[in-house]
């Protein structure tokens, strides 16, 4: 069945691509939320039955009952799971950020584990020669620079070039499907921490990103023939809607990487990650509240809190708090409280943090940065115009002017990709 099913059950629309959604269902009959992996089980693994299967996953790849997708596929006679593929942090999520991961044999299953964050970022021809189908079950966090969607893109490219089917088991965007924020990425800065031409907070599920990149010309770095002939199957969630928060799914948060241990950190990642790249801000890495706990060298927590309060940022409040870091040392800083989800702009704080760094440090860290630091900064932020403005204006820069422009850009992006929304 080569058709695309809209999970809202409004219509079925044929697409000119090999997109398979396993079963048409009426969400009004059963309001229970379920994941793509659950949907795969419910349909008796039809789409991958009789095929040699590779699985790209990590510790957050579990079904709604908390059973790993590895065990789900190994536990049925319908599936021949022959290889595992691991993204950044590895299949067990215990590898450090930005540290290459080696291939290995998985001690638990005896299966080969091919690292896609080591010698290869893109699956090699040899890796793919062992499989007919690559199943992807990765939990994203809704932010462009988080590398799991980059891993998916590179895997799709390699599979399409080698005639291997890609099956995406869809999962919720933990920031929901309505929040879009931050700059679009300039083409010159696209990289593994910015592999798609999208806003910093993109508002899509991993399945929707796959569909969009498969359908649209110029996103995947492969020939048009390979893109059009590539086989993509998306197994959707049931009863997820764009306005759902993570708690409404009933899912327990499973750390997607060492510094994203909780939903607090998921929300903090777009709020402070960019703002602490240069300068004296620290954002809680090494404490129980990564990305939600701010300190600034040379400023007291009270000074920092007063400055942050004066910004009157929508949905946020700030509290002086003392935490213990991983060594047992007590650190007093400012904890970020997300008070109002609706008025919260996910990236707003980060750009005001940059302005404060330029204000409180002499000379400005942005004028003293090495070329490699500037490149890395821009690969994450993505906007040459913002860098030029920040570099030239320092503490007189105007984040709000850019934030308004980026809000308009994100609405254009939403209009562009909404036809690929599955929910």
Protein backbone atom coordinates (compact mmCIF):
# COMPACT_ATOMS: atom_id res chain seq x y z
CA UNK A 1 0.00 0.00 0.00
CA UNK A 2 1.90 3.10 -1.21
CA UNK A 3 -0.25 5.74 0.36
CA UNK A 4 0.09 8.40 2.97
CA UNK A 5 -2.38 8.30 5.82
CA UNK A 6 -3.32 11.45 7.71
CA UNK A 7 -3.68 10.33 11.36
CA UNK A 8 -6.53 12.81 11.88
CA UNK A 9 -8.49 10.48 9.62
CA UNK A 10 -9.69 13.36 7.46
CA UNK A 11 -8.39 12.10 4.15
CA UNK A 12 -6.02 9.70 2.45
CA UNK A 13 -3.74 11.36 -0.05
CA UNK A 14 -1.54 9.59 -2.55
CA UNK A 15 2.06 10.81 -2.65
CA UNK A 16 4.50 10.16 -5.46
CA UNK A 17 7.01 8.39 -3.24
CA UNK A 18 7.40 5.03 -1.53
CA UNK A 19 5.89 6.10 1.75
CA UNK A 20 4.12 3.35 3.61
CA UNK A 21 2.02 3.97 6.66
CA UNK A 22 1.04 0.65 8.02
CA UNK A 23 -2.62 0.90 8.85
CA UNK A 24 -5.46 3.34 8.59
CA UNK A 25 -7.07 3.82 11.95
CA UNK A 26 -9.92 5.86 13.37
CA UNK A 27 -8.56 7.76 16.34
CA UNK A 28 -12.06 8.26 17.64
CA UNK A 29 -12.30 4.53 18.41
CA UNK A 30 -9.34 4.50 20.78
CA UNK A 31 -8.02 7.68 22.37
CA UNK A 32 -4.98 5.98 23.89
CA UNK A 33 -1.67 7.45 22.79
CA UNK A 34 0.87 5.07 21.31
CA UNK A 35 4.26 5.33 19.64
CA UNK A 36 5.41 4.26 16.21
CA UNK A 37 7.05 1.17 17.69
CA UNK A 38 3.73 0.24 19.35
CA UNK A 39 1.94 0.69 16.02
CA UNK A 40 4.54 -1.58 14.40
CA UNK A 41 3.81 -4.27 16.98
CA UNK A 42 0.04 -3.88 16.58
CA UNK A 43 0.34 -4.56 12.86
CA UNK A 44 2.41 -7.70 13.41
CA UNK A 45 5.57 -6.10 11.98
CA UNK A 46 4.13 -6.38 8.48
CA UNK A 47 6.35 -3.75 6.87
CA UNK A 48 9.61 -5.48 7.89
CA UNK A 49 8.51 -9.11 7.86
CA UNK A 50 10.85 -11.39 5.92
CA UNK A 51 13.61 -8.76 5.69
CA UNK A 52 17.07 -8.55 7.21
CA UNK A 53 16.70 -5.57 9.54
CA UNK A 54 19.16 -3.06 10.96
CA UNK A 55 18.05 -0.85 13.85
CA UNK A 56 19.31 2.68 14.51
CA UNK A 57 18.37 3.52 18.09
CA UNK A 58 19.48 4.54 21.58
CA UNK A 59 18.25 4.10 25.20
CA UNK A 60 15.17 6.27 24.66
CA UNK A 61 14.06 3.89 21.91
CA UNK A 62 11.44 2.06 23.95
CA UNK A 63 7.79 1.18 23.50
CA UNK A 64 5.03 2.66 25.62
CA UNK A 65 5.56 -0.04 28.25
CA UNK A 66 9.26 0.76 28.58
CA UNK A 67 10.57 -2.21 26.60
CA UNK A 68 13.49 -1.38 24.33
CA UNK A 69 12.90 -1.48 20.60
CA UNK A 70 15.89 -3.81 20.39
CA UNK A 71 14.08 -6.31 22.61
CA UNK A 72 10.77 -5.73 20.82
CA UNK A 73 12.33 -6.70 17.48
CA UNK A 74 14.35 -9.56 18.95
CA UNK A 75 11.34 -10.91 20.78
CA UNK A 76 9.30 -11.78 17.71
CA UNK A 77 9.78 -14.47 15.10
CA UNK A 78 8.46 -12.03 12.51
CA UNK A 79 11.69 -9.98 12.47
CA UNK A 80 15.25 -10.92 11.55
CA UNK A 81 17.29 -8.29 13.38
CA UNK A 82 20.88 -8.64 12.17
CA UNK A 83 22.63 -5.37 13.10
CA UNK A 84 22.44 -2.34 15.38
CA UNK A 85 23.45 1.21 14.50
CA UNK A 86 24.30 3.84 17.11
CA UNK A 87 24.16 7.67 16.94
CA UNK A 88 26.16 10.17 19.02
CA UNK A 89 26.39 8.89 22.63
CA UNK A 90 26.05 5.28 21.37
CA UNK A 91 23.19 2.80 21.62
CA UNK A 92 23.35 2.90 25.42
CA UNK A 93 23.62 6.69 25.69
CA UNK A 94 26.71 6.55 27.89
CA UNK A 95 29.25 8.08 25.50
CA UNK A 96 30.24 11.71 26.00
CA UNK A 97 29.09 14.49 23.67
CA UNK A 98 31.27 15.11 20.60
CA UNK A 99 33.45 12.05 21.36
CA UNK A 100 33.80 9.48 18.55
CA UNK A 101 32.27 6.07 19.23
CA UNK A 102 33.83 2.85 17.95
CA UNK A 103 32.11 -0.12 16.29
CA UNK A 104 31.66 -3.07 18.64
CA UNK A 105 29.80 -6.29 19.32
CA UNK A 106 26.86 -5.76 21.65
CA UNK A 107 27.42 -7.98 24.70
CA UNK A 108 23.72 -8.25 25.40
CA UNK A 109 22.55 -9.40 21.96
CA UNK A 110 25.74 -10.53 20.23
CA UNK A 111 24.83 -8.29 17.30
CA UNK A 112 27.32 -6.02 15.54
CA UNK A 113 26.94 -2.36 16.48
CA UNK A 114 27.94 0.06 13.74
CA UNK A 115 28.76 3.51 15.04
CA UNK A 116 27.45 6.47 13.04
CA UNK A 117 29.42 8.84 15.24
CA UNK A 118 32.93 7.59 14.77
CA UNK A 119 34.92 6.78 11.65
CA UNK A 120 31.67 7.10 9.71
CA UNK A 121 28.79 9.55 10.04
CA UNK A 122 27.08 8.07 7.02
CA UNK A 123 26.53 4.29 6.91
CA UNK A 124 29.05 2.65 4.63
CA UNK A 125 28.21 0.37 1.74
CA UNK A 126 29.61 -2.54 3.75
CA UNK A 127 27.33 -1.82 6.71
CA UNK A 128 24.25 -1.65 4.53
CA UNK A 129 25.16 -4.77 2.56
CA UNK A 130 24.04 -6.80 5.56
CA UNK A 131 20.47 -5.45 5.66
CA UNK A 132 17.37 -4.97 3.49
CA UNK A 133 15.81 -2.38 5.74
CA UNK A 134 16.99 0.18 8.31
CA UNK A 135 14.52 0.87 11.13
CA UNK A 136 15.08 4.23 12.85
CA UNK A 137 13.79 4.74 16.40
CA UNK A 138 15.37 7.89 17.82
CA UNK A 139 13.89 10.34 20.32
CA UNK A 140 14.59 13.89 19.20
CA UNK A 141 14.27 17.00 21.41
CA UNK A 142 12.90 19.41 18.79
CA UNK A 143 16.08 21.47 18.32
CA UNK A 144 17.99 21.76 15.04
CA UNK A 145 21.49 21.20 16.44
CA UNK A 146 20.62 18.03 18.37
CA UNK A 147 22.38 15.46 16.24
CA UNK A 148 19.88 12.60 16.08
CA UNK A 149 17.99 14.15 13.18
CA UNK A 150 21.34 14.68 11.42
CA UNK A 151 22.12 11.01 11.97
CA UNK A 152 18.75 10.12 10.46
CA UNK A 153 19.40 12.31 7.42
CA UNK A 154 22.80 10.77 6.68
CA UNK A 155 21.37 7.29 7.14
CA UNK A 156 18.52 8.07 4.73
CA UNK A 157 20.97 9.32 2.12
CA UNK A 158 23.12 6.19 2.31
CA UNK A 159 20.13 3.84 2.28
CA UNK A 160 18.53 5.54 -0.72
CA UNK A 161 21.79 5.33 -2.62
CA UNK A 162 22.13 1.61 -1.84
CA UNK A 163 18.52 0.58 -2.35
CA UNK A 164 17.88 -0.11 1.35
CA UNK A 165 14.43 0.73 2.71
CA UNK A 166 14.17 3.21 5.60
CA UNK A 167 11.44 2.74 8.22
CA UNK A 168 10.94 5.58 10.71
CA UNK A 169 9.18 4.75 13.98
CA UNK A 170 7.72 8.13 14.87
CA UNK A 171 7.93 9.76 18.30
CA UNK A 172 6.63 12.99 19.86
CA UNK A 173 8.47 16.26 19.66
CA UNK A 174 8.83 17.01 23.40
CA UNK A 175 8.55 20.75 22.69
CA UNK A 176 5.26 20.04 20.92
CA UNK A 177 4.31 20.75 17.35
CA UNK A 178 3.42 24.42 17.72
CA UNK A 179 6.59 26.04 19.08
CA UNK A 180 8.97 27.31 16.39
CA UNK A 181 11.72 29.74 17.33
CA UNK A 182 15.14 31.12 16.56
CA UNK A 183 16.96 31.82 13.32
CA UNK A 184 16.85 29.80 10.15
CA UNK A 185 20.28 28.44 9.27
CA UNK A 186 22.31 30.04 6.49
CA UNK A 187 23.47 27.47 3.96
CA UNK A 188 27.15 28.22 4.65
CA UNK A 189 26.78 27.08 8.27
CA UNK A 190 24.99 23.79 7.61
CA UNK A 191 26.80 20.85 9.20
CA UNK A 192 26.18 17.86 11.45
CA UNK A 193 24.83 20.31 14.09
CA UNK A 194 22.60 21.90 11.48
CA UNK A 195 21.76 19.35 8.80
CA UNK A 196 18.34 20.72 7.80
CA UNK A 197 17.28 24.18 6.54
CA UNK A 198 14.97 24.83 9.48
CA UNK A 199 14.57 27.14 12.50
CA UNK A 200 16.51 26.38 15.66
CA UNK A 201 13.30 25.08 17.27
CA UNK A 202 11.51 23.33 14.41
CA UNK A 203 8.18 21.98 15.71
CA UNK A 204 8.30 18.71 13.71
CA UNK A 205 8.43 15.04 14.58
CA UNK A 206 11.30 12.95 13.30
CA UNK A 207 8.91 11.21 10.89
CA UNK A 208 7.71 14.53 9.49
CA UNK A 209 11.30 15.67 8.96
CA UNK A 210 12.04 12.45 7.09
CA UNK A 211 8.97 12.88 4.89
CA UNK A 212 9.74 16.54 4.15
CA UNK A 213 13.37 15.82 3.24
CA UNK A 214 12.37 12.86 1.08
CA UNK A 215 9.75 14.82 -0.82
CA UNK A 216 11.46 18.18 -1.28
CA UNK A 217 14.29 18.74 -3.74
CA UNK A 218 17.65 19.91 -2.44
CA UNK A 219 17.58 18.82 1.21
CA UNK A 220 19.23 15.43 0.90
CA UNK A 221 22.74 15.41 -0.54
CA UNK A 222 22.10 12.70 -3.11
CA UNK A 223 21.08 12.51 -6.74
CA UNK A 224 17.49 13.25 -7.71
CA UNK A 225 17.19 9.70 -9.00
CA UNK A 226 18.24 8.24 -5.63
CA UNK A 227 15.91 10.58 -3.75
CA UNK A 228 12.89 9.76 -5.88
CA UNK A 229 13.55 6.02 -5.93
CA UNK A 230 14.41 5.82 -2.25
CA UNK A 231 12.00 3.73 -0.17
CA UNK A 232 10.67 5.48 2.92
CA UNK A 233 8.10 4.08 5.34
CA UNK A 234 6.83 6.02 8.33
CA UNK A 235 5.05 4.22 11.12
CA UNK A 236 3.03 6.95 12.85
CA UNK A 237 2.03 7.50 16.42
CA UNK A 238 -1.62 7.19 17.31
CA UNK A 239 -3.50 10.00 19.02
CA UNK A 240 -0.70 12.54 19.25
CA UNK A 241 -1.60 16.13 18.42
CA UNK A 242 0.60 19.15 17.89
CA UNK A 243 -0.59 20.91 21.04
CA UNK A 244 0.20 17.96 23.33
CA UNK A 245 2.82 18.40 26.00
CA UNK A 246 5.02 15.47 26.92
CA UNK A 247 3.20 14.71 30.21
CA UNK A 248 -0.05 14.37 28.27
CA UNK A 249 1.41 11.38 26.41
CA UNK A 250 1.85 9.49 29.67
CA UNK A 251 5.43 8.66 28.69
CA UNK A 252 8.25 8.69 31.19
CA UNK A 253 11.20 10.80 30.02
CA UNK A 254 14.20 8.61 29.29
CA UNK A 255 17.48 10.56 29.02
CA UNK A 256 18.32 11.01 25.35
CA UNK A 257 21.92 11.97 26.16
CA UNK A 258 23.94 12.50 29.36
CA UNK A 259 23.09 16.20 29.63
CA UNK A 260 19.37 15.81 28.83
CA UNK A 261 18.30 13.78 31.87
CA UNK A 262 14.86 15.36 32.30
CA UNK A 263 12.12 17.45 30.71
CA UNK A 264 13.60 20.44 32.54
CA UNK A 265 16.73 20.01 30.46
CA UNK A 266 14.75 19.52 27.25
CA UNK A 267 13.17 22.95 27.71
CA UNK A 268 16.45 24.44 28.91
CA UNK A 269 18.43 23.24 25.89
CA UNK A 270 17.12 25.87 23.43
CA UNK A 271 16.95 28.49 26.21
CA UNK A 272 20.59 28.50 27.29
CA UNK A 273 22.64 26.25 25.00
CA UNK A 274 23.46 28.99 22.50
CA UNK A 275 23.86 31.63 25.19
CA UNK A 276 26.66 29.79 26.98
CA UNK A 277 28.78 28.96 23.94
CA UNK A 278 31.04 31.97 24.38
CA UNK A 279 31.83 34.06 27.43
CA UNK A 280 31.53 33.52 31.16
CA UNK A 281 28.05 32.03 31.36
CA UNK A 282 27.78 28.45 32.63
CA UNK A 283 24.46 26.67 32.20
CA UNK A 284 24.44 23.91 34.75
CA UNK A 285 26.38 21.14 33.02
CA UNK A 286 27.72 18.97 35.83
CA UNK A 287 24.82 19.81 38.16
CA UNK A 288 21.43 18.09 38.51
CA UNK A 289 19.91 20.85 36.34
CA UNK A 290 21.84 21.02 33.04
CA UNK A 291 20.68 23.88 30.80
CA UNK A 292 18.42 25.29 33.56
CA UNK A 293 20.95 26.62 36.09
CA UNK A 294 22.94 29.76 35.29
CA UNK A 295 26.07 31.24 36.79
CA UNK A 296 28.30 34.00 35.50
CA UNK A 297 31.91 34.32 36.59
CA UNK A 298 32.44 37.64 38.34
CA UNK A 299 28.74 38.25 39.08
CA UNK A 300 26.85 37.24 42.20
CA UNK A 301 23.69 35.13 41.82
CA UNK A 302 21.68 38.10 43.06
CA UNK A 303 23.18 40.40 40.42
CA UNK A 304 22.47 37.84 37.74
CA UNK A 305 18.90 37.31 38.90
CA UNK A 306 18.20 41.04 38.99
CA UNK A 307 19.53 41.46 35.47
CA UNK A 308 17.48 38.54 34.16
CA UNK A 309 14.34 39.78 35.94
CA UNK A 310 14.73 43.17 34.27
CA UNK A 311 14.43 41.54 30.83
CA UNK A 312 10.77 40.62 31.50
CA UNK A 313 11.00 37.53 29.33
CA UNK A 314 7.65 35.90 28.57
CA UNK A 315 6.83 32.82 30.63
CA UNK A 316 10.05 32.82 32.68
CA UNK A 317 10.97 33.56 36.28
CA UNK A 318 14.31 33.22 38.05
CA UNK A 319 15.24 31.89 41.48
CA UNK A 320 18.54 31.94 43.36
CA UNK A 321 19.31 28.36 44.27
CA UNK A 322 22.19 26.24 45.57
CA UNK A 323 22.97 22.88 43.94
CA UNK A 324 25.73 20.33 44.30
CA UNK A 325 27.80 19.50 41.26
CA UNK A 326 29.03 16.02 40.36
CA UNK A 327 32.04 16.42 42.68
CA UNK A 328 29.86 17.33 45.68
CA UNK A 329 30.79 21.01 45.56
CA UNK A 330 27.98 23.47 46.36
CA UNK A 331 27.27 26.04 43.66
CA UNK A 332 24.85 28.93 44.02
CA UNK A 333 23.32 30.27 40.85
CA UNK A 334 20.02 31.14 39.19
CA UNK A 335 17.48 28.46 38.34
CA UNK A 336 15.19 29.17 35.39
CA UNK A 337 11.50 28.57 36.10
CA UNK A 338 9.20 28.04 33.13
CA UNK A 339 5.96 29.54 34.47
CA UNK A 340 3.84 29.92 31.34
CA UNK A 341 4.30 27.59 28.38
CA UNK A 342 2.09 29.61 26.04
CA UNK A 343 4.00 32.89 26.39
CA UNK A 344 7.43 31.27 26.48
CA UNK A 345 9.71 31.90 23.49
CA UNK A 346 12.21 29.04 23.58
CA UNK A 347 15.32 30.81 22.28
CA UNK A 348 14.75 34.34 23.59
CA UNK A 349 16.85 34.01 26.74
CA UNK A 350 19.90 32.70 24.85
CA UNK A 351 20.29 35.85 22.76
CA UNK A 352 19.92 38.11 25.79
CA UNK A 353 22.61 36.01 27.49
CA UNK A 354 24.92 36.87 24.59
CA UNK A 355 24.18 40.55 25.08
CA UNK A 356 24.94 40.28 28.80
CA UNK A 357 28.24 38.53 28.04
CA UNK A 358 29.21 41.44 25.79
CA UNK A 359 28.12 43.91 28.51
CA UNK A 360 29.89 42.27 31.44
CA UNK A 361 33.13 41.17 29.78
CA UNK A 362 35.84 43.54 28.56
CA UNK A 363 36.80 43.05 25.85
CA UNK A 364 33.73 41.33 24.46
CA UNK A 365 34.24 37.56 24.07
CA UNK A 366 32.76 37.83 20.58
CA UNK A 367 35.57 40.09 19.36
CA UNK A 368 38.28 37.90 20.91
CA UNK A 369 37.12 34.52 19.68
CA UNK A 370 39.36 32.30 17.58
CA UNK A 371 38.28 31.47 14.05
CA UNK A 372 37.43 27.90 15.08
CA UNK A 373 35.23 29.20 17.92
CA UNK A 374 33.44 31.61 15.58
CA UNK A 375 32.79 28.80 13.11
CA UNK A 376 31.40 26.49 15.80
CA UNK A 377 29.23 29.28 17.21
CA UNK A 378 27.75 30.03 13.81
CA UNK A 379 27.20 26.37 12.97
CA UNK A 380 24.94 26.21 16.01
CA UNK A 381 23.23 29.61 15.78
CA UNK A 382 23.13 29.64 12.00
CA UNK A 383 22.73 33.37 11.32
CA UNK A 384 25.58 35.36 9.80
CA UNK A 385 23.60 38.60 10.19
CA UNK A 386 23.21 38.03 13.93
CA UNK A 387 26.93 37.29 14.33
CA UNK A 388 27.88 40.45 12.45
CA UNK A 389 25.49 42.54 14.54
CA UNK A 390 26.69 41.00 17.81
CA UNK A 391 30.33 41.41 16.84
CA UNK A 392 29.93 45.04 15.80
CA UNK A 393 27.42 46.25 18.40
CA UNK A 394 28.42 44.28 21.49
CA UNK A 395 26.35 45.17 24.53
CA UNK A 396 24.25 47.61 22.46
CA UNK A 397 23.04 44.81 20.19
CA UNK A 398 19.28 44.43 19.76
CA UNK A 399 18.12 40.82 20.21
CA UNK A 400 14.45 41.77 20.10
CA UNK A 401 14.76 43.17 16.59
CA UNK A 402 16.14 39.83 15.39
CA UNK A 403 13.66 37.78 17.41
CA UNK A 404 10.74 39.53 15.70
CA UNK A 405 12.28 38.88 12.28
CA UNK A 406 12.93 35.24 13.15
CA UNK A 407 9.33 34.80 14.30
CA UNK A 408 8.21 35.86 10.83
CA UNK A 409 10.70 33.50 9.23
CA UNK A 410 9.47 30.58 11.31
CA UNK A 411 5.89 31.23 10.21
CA UNK A 412 7.05 31.07 6.59
CA UNK A 413 8.77 27.79 7.40
CA UNK A 414 5.61 26.44 9.03
CA UNK A 415 3.62 27.29 5.91
CA UNK A 416 6.23 25.55 3.77
CA UNK A 417 6.36 22.27 5.69
CA UNK A 418 2.81 21.99 7.08
CA UNK A 419 1.76 19.85 4.10
CA UNK A 420 4.10 17.19 5.49
CA UNK A 421 2.59 17.24 8.96
CA UNK A 422 1.27 13.83 9.95
CA UNK A 423 -0.75 15.05 12.92
